[in-house]
PDB file of N, CA and C in Angstrom:
ATOM      1  N   MET A   1      -0.969  -9.677   5.776  1.00  0.00           N
ATOM      2  CA  MET A   1       0.341  -8.757   5.412  1.00  0.00           C
ATOM      3  C   MET A   1       0.773  -7.376   6.380  1.00  0.00           C
ATOM      4  N   THR A   2       1.917  -7.701   6.710  1.00  0.00           N
ATOM      5  CA  THR A   2       2.219  -6.122   7.731  1.00  0.00           C
ATOM      6  C   THR A   2       2.121  -4.579   6.999  1.00  0.00           C
ATOM      7  N   ILE A   3       2.230  -4.343   7.747  1.00  0.00           N
ATOM      8  CA  ILE A   3       2.012  -2.589   7.575  1.00  0.00           C
ATOM      9  C   ILE A   3       3.709  -2.620   6.546  1.00  0.00           C
ATOM     10  N   ALA A   4       5.027  -2.843   6.949  1.00  0.00           N
ATOM     11  CA  ALA A   4       6.331  -3.085   6.249  1.00  0.00           C
ATOM     12  C   ALA A   4       5.663  -3.491   5.000  1.00  0.00           C
ATOM     13  N   GLN A   5       5.044  -4.608   4.587  1.00  0.00           N
ATOM     14  CA  GLN A   5       5.615  -5.647   3.789  1.00  0.00           C
ATOM     15  C   GLN A   5       4.521  -4.442   2.322  1.00  0.00           C
ATOM     16  N   ILE A   6       3.225  -3.829   3.107  1.00  0.00           N
ATOM     17  CA  ILE A   6       2.629  -3.516   2.169  1.00  0.00           C
ATOM     18  C   ILE A   6       3.029  -2.407   1.897  1.00  0.00           C
ATOM     19  N   ASN A   7       4.484  -1.987   2.169  1.00  0.00           N
ATOM     20  CA  ASN A   7       5.144   0.053   2.448  1.00  0.00           C
ATOM     21  C   ASN A   7       6.321  -0.619   1.169  1.00  0.00           C
ATOM     22  N   THR A   8       6.580  -1.685   1.236  1.00  0.00           N
ATOM     23  CA  THR A   8       7.614  -2.100   0.657  1.00  0.00           C
ATOM     24  C   THR A   8       6.848  -2.553  -1.268  1.00  0.00           C
ATOM     25  N   LEU A   9       6.008  -3.489  -1.354  1.00  0.00           N
ATOM     26  CA  LEU A   9       4.890  -3.229  -1.994  1.00  0.00           C
ATOM     27  C   LEU A   9       5.168  -2.109  -2.708  1.00  0.00           C
ATOM     28  N   ALA A  10       4.339  -1.586  -2.231  1.00  0.00           N
ATOM     29  CA  ALA A  10       3.894  -0.083  -2.741  1.00  0.00           C
ATOM     30  C   ALA A  10       4.807   1.002  -2.679  1.00  0.00           C
ATOM     31  N   SER A  11       5.931   0.971  -2.424  1.00  0.00           N
ATOM     32  CA  SER A  11       6.964   1.568  -2.991  1.00  0.00           C
ATOM     33  C   SER A  11       7.335   1.130  -4.235  1.00  0.00           C
ATOM     34  N   GLU A  12       7.352  -0.001  -4.604  1.00  0.00           N
ATOM     35  CA  GLU A  12       7.998  -0.806  -5.726  1.00  0.00           C
ATOM     36  C   GLU A  12       6.272  -0.192  -6.957  1.00  0.00           C
ATOM     37  N   ARG A  13       5.745   0.256  -6.522  1.00  0.00           N
ATOM     38  CA  ARG A  13       4.994   0.491  -7.428  1.00  0.00           C
ATOM     39  C   ARG A  13       4.647   2.534  -7.522  1.00  0.00           C
ATOM     40  N   GLY A  14       5.291   3.102  -6.612  1.00  0.00           N
ATOM     41  CA  GLY A  14       5.670   4.461  -6.626  1.00  0.00           C
ATOM     42  C   GLY A  14       4.665   5.336  -5.938  1.00  0.00           C
ATOM     43  N   TYR A  15       4.413   4.202  -5.358  1.00  0.00           N
ATOM     44  CA  TYR A  15       3.065   5.316  -3.873  1.00  0.00           C
ATOM     45  C   TYR A  15       4.448   5.717  -2.974  1.00  0.00           C
ATOM     46  N   SER A  16       3.571   6.590  -2.768  1.00  0.00           N
ATOM     47  CA  SER A  16       4.665   7.646  -0.990  1.00  0.00           C
ATOM     48  C   SER A  16       4.372   6.910   0.172  1.00  0.00           C
ATOM     49  N   ILE A  17       5.326   6.491   1.063  1.00  0.00           N
ATOM     50  CA  ILE A  17       5.384   6.176   2.035  1.00  0.00           C
ATOM     51  C   ILE A  17       4.866   7.038   3.071  1.00  0.00           C
ATOM     52  N   SER A  18       5.433   7.748   2.906  1.00  0.00           N
ATOM     53  CA  SER A  18       4.783   9.083   4.238  1.00  0.00           C
ATOM     54  C   SER A  18       3.466   9.600   3.400  1.00  0.00           C
ATOM     55  N   GLY A  19       2.762   9.438   2.442  1.00  0.00           N
ATOM     56  CA  GLY A  19       1.591   9.324   2.893  1.00  0.00           C
ATOM     57  C   GLY A  19       0.355   8.741   3.324  1.00  0.00           C
ATOM     58  N   ASN A  20      -0.411   8.923   3.590  1.00  0.00           N
ATOM     59  CA  ASN A  20      -1.632   8.690   4.583  1.00  0.00           C
ATOM     60  C   ASN A  20      -1.611   6.746   4.194  1.00  0.00           C
ATOM     61  N   LYS A  21      -1.193   6.180   5.294  1.00  0.00           N
ATOM     62  CA  LYS A  21      -0.977   4.876   4.999  1.00  0.00           C
ATOM     63  C   LYS A  21      -2.144   4.057   5.322  1.00  0.00           C
ATOM     64  N   THR A  22      -3.083   4.787   5.438  1.00  0.00           N
ATOM     65  CA  THR A  22      -4.958   3.913   5.405  1.00  0.00           C
ATOM     66  C   THR A  22      -5.511   4.522   3.862  1.00  0.00           C
ATOM     67  N   GLN A  23      -4.994   5.217   3.480  1.00  0.00           N
ATOM     68  CA  GLN A  23      -5.348   5.425   1.938  1.00  0.00           C
ATOM     69  C   GLN A  23      -4.526   4.636   0.744  1.00  0.00           C
ATOM     70  N   LEU A  24      -2.923   4.549   1.914  1.00  0.00           N
ATOM     71  CA  LEU A  24      -2.018   3.643   0.832  1.00  0.00           C
ATOM     72  C   LEU A  24      -2.197   2.473   0.812  1.00  0.00           C
ATOM     73  N   ILE A  25      -3.035   1.711   2.122  1.00  0.00           N
ATOM     74  CA  ILE A  25      -3.148   0.620   2.184  1.00  0.00           C
ATOM     75  C   ILE A  25      -4.816   0.376   1.709  1.00  0.00           C
ATOM     76  N   ALA A  26      -5.441   1.386   1.313  1.00  0.00           N
ATOM     77  CA  ALA A  26      -6.831   1.275   0.683  1.00  0.00           C
ATOM     78  C   ALA A  26      -6.264   1.049  -0.815  1.00  0.00           C
ATOM     79  N   ARG A  27      -5.313   1.548  -1.450  1.00  0.00           N
ATOM     80  CA  ARG A  27      -5.330   1.482  -2.820  1.00  0.00           C
ATOM     81  C   ARG A  27      -4.919   0.441  -3.395  1.00  0.00           C
ATOM     82  N   PHE A  28      -3.285   0.063  -2.643  1.00  0.00           N
ATOM     83  CA  PHE A  28      -2.770  -1.871  -2.637  1.00  0.00           C
ATOM     84  C   PHE A  28      -4.072  -2.600  -2.169  1.00  0.00           C
ATOM     85  N   LEU A  29      -4.639  -2.604  -1.377  1.00  0.00           N
ATOM     86  CA  LEU A  29      -6.100  -3.454  -1.561  1.00  0.00           C
ATOM     87  C   LEU A  29      -6.674  -3.657  -2.838  1.00  0.00           C
ATOM     88  N   ASP A  30      -7.538  -2.199  -3.905  1.00  0.00           N
ATOM     89  CA  ASP A  30      -8.033  -2.323  -4.376  1.00  0.00           C
ATOM     90  C   ASP A  30      -7.518  -2.483  -5.775  1.00  0.00           C
ATOM     91  N   ASN A  31      -5.611  -2.503  -5.961  1.00  0.00           N
ATOM     92  CA  ASN A  31      -5.028  -2.837  -6.741  1.00  0.00           C
ATOM     93  C   ASN A  31      -5.273  -4.671  -6.471  1.00  0.00           C
ATOM     94  N   GLN A  32      -5.072  -5.219  -5.908  1.00  0.00           N
ATOM     95  CA  GLN A  32      -5.058  -6.407  -5.650  1.00  0.00           C
ATOM     96  C   GLN A  32      -6.683  -7.084  -6.093  1.00  0.00           C
ATOM     97  N   GLY A  33      -7.393  -6.428  -6.627  1.00  0.00           N
ATOM     98  CA  GLY A  33      -8.603  -6.682  -6.636  1.00  0.00           C
ATOM     99  C   GLY A  33      -9.641  -6.540  -5.654  1.00  0.00           C
ATOM    100  N   GLY A  34      -9.812  -6.082  -4.524  1.00  0.00           N
ATOM    101  CA  GLY A  34      -9.969  -5.867  -3.134  1.00  0.00           C
ATOM    102  C   GLY A  34      -9.936  -7.767  -1.667  1.00  0.00           C
ATOM    103  N   SER A  35     -10.428  -7.571  -0.871  1.00  0.00           N
ATOM    104  CA  SER A  35     -10.003  -8.665   0.104  1.00  0.00           C
ATOM    105  C   SER A  35      -9.922  -9.652  -0.536  1.00  0.00           C
TER     106      SER A  35
END
């Protein structure tokens, strides 16, 4: 999954794309149940 795809899905969940991308991805993956 690309950063753009993660940002799109994250924005749909109400996350700020302008935030720390590492934290954003970590939260996204955590919401999906990890790896």
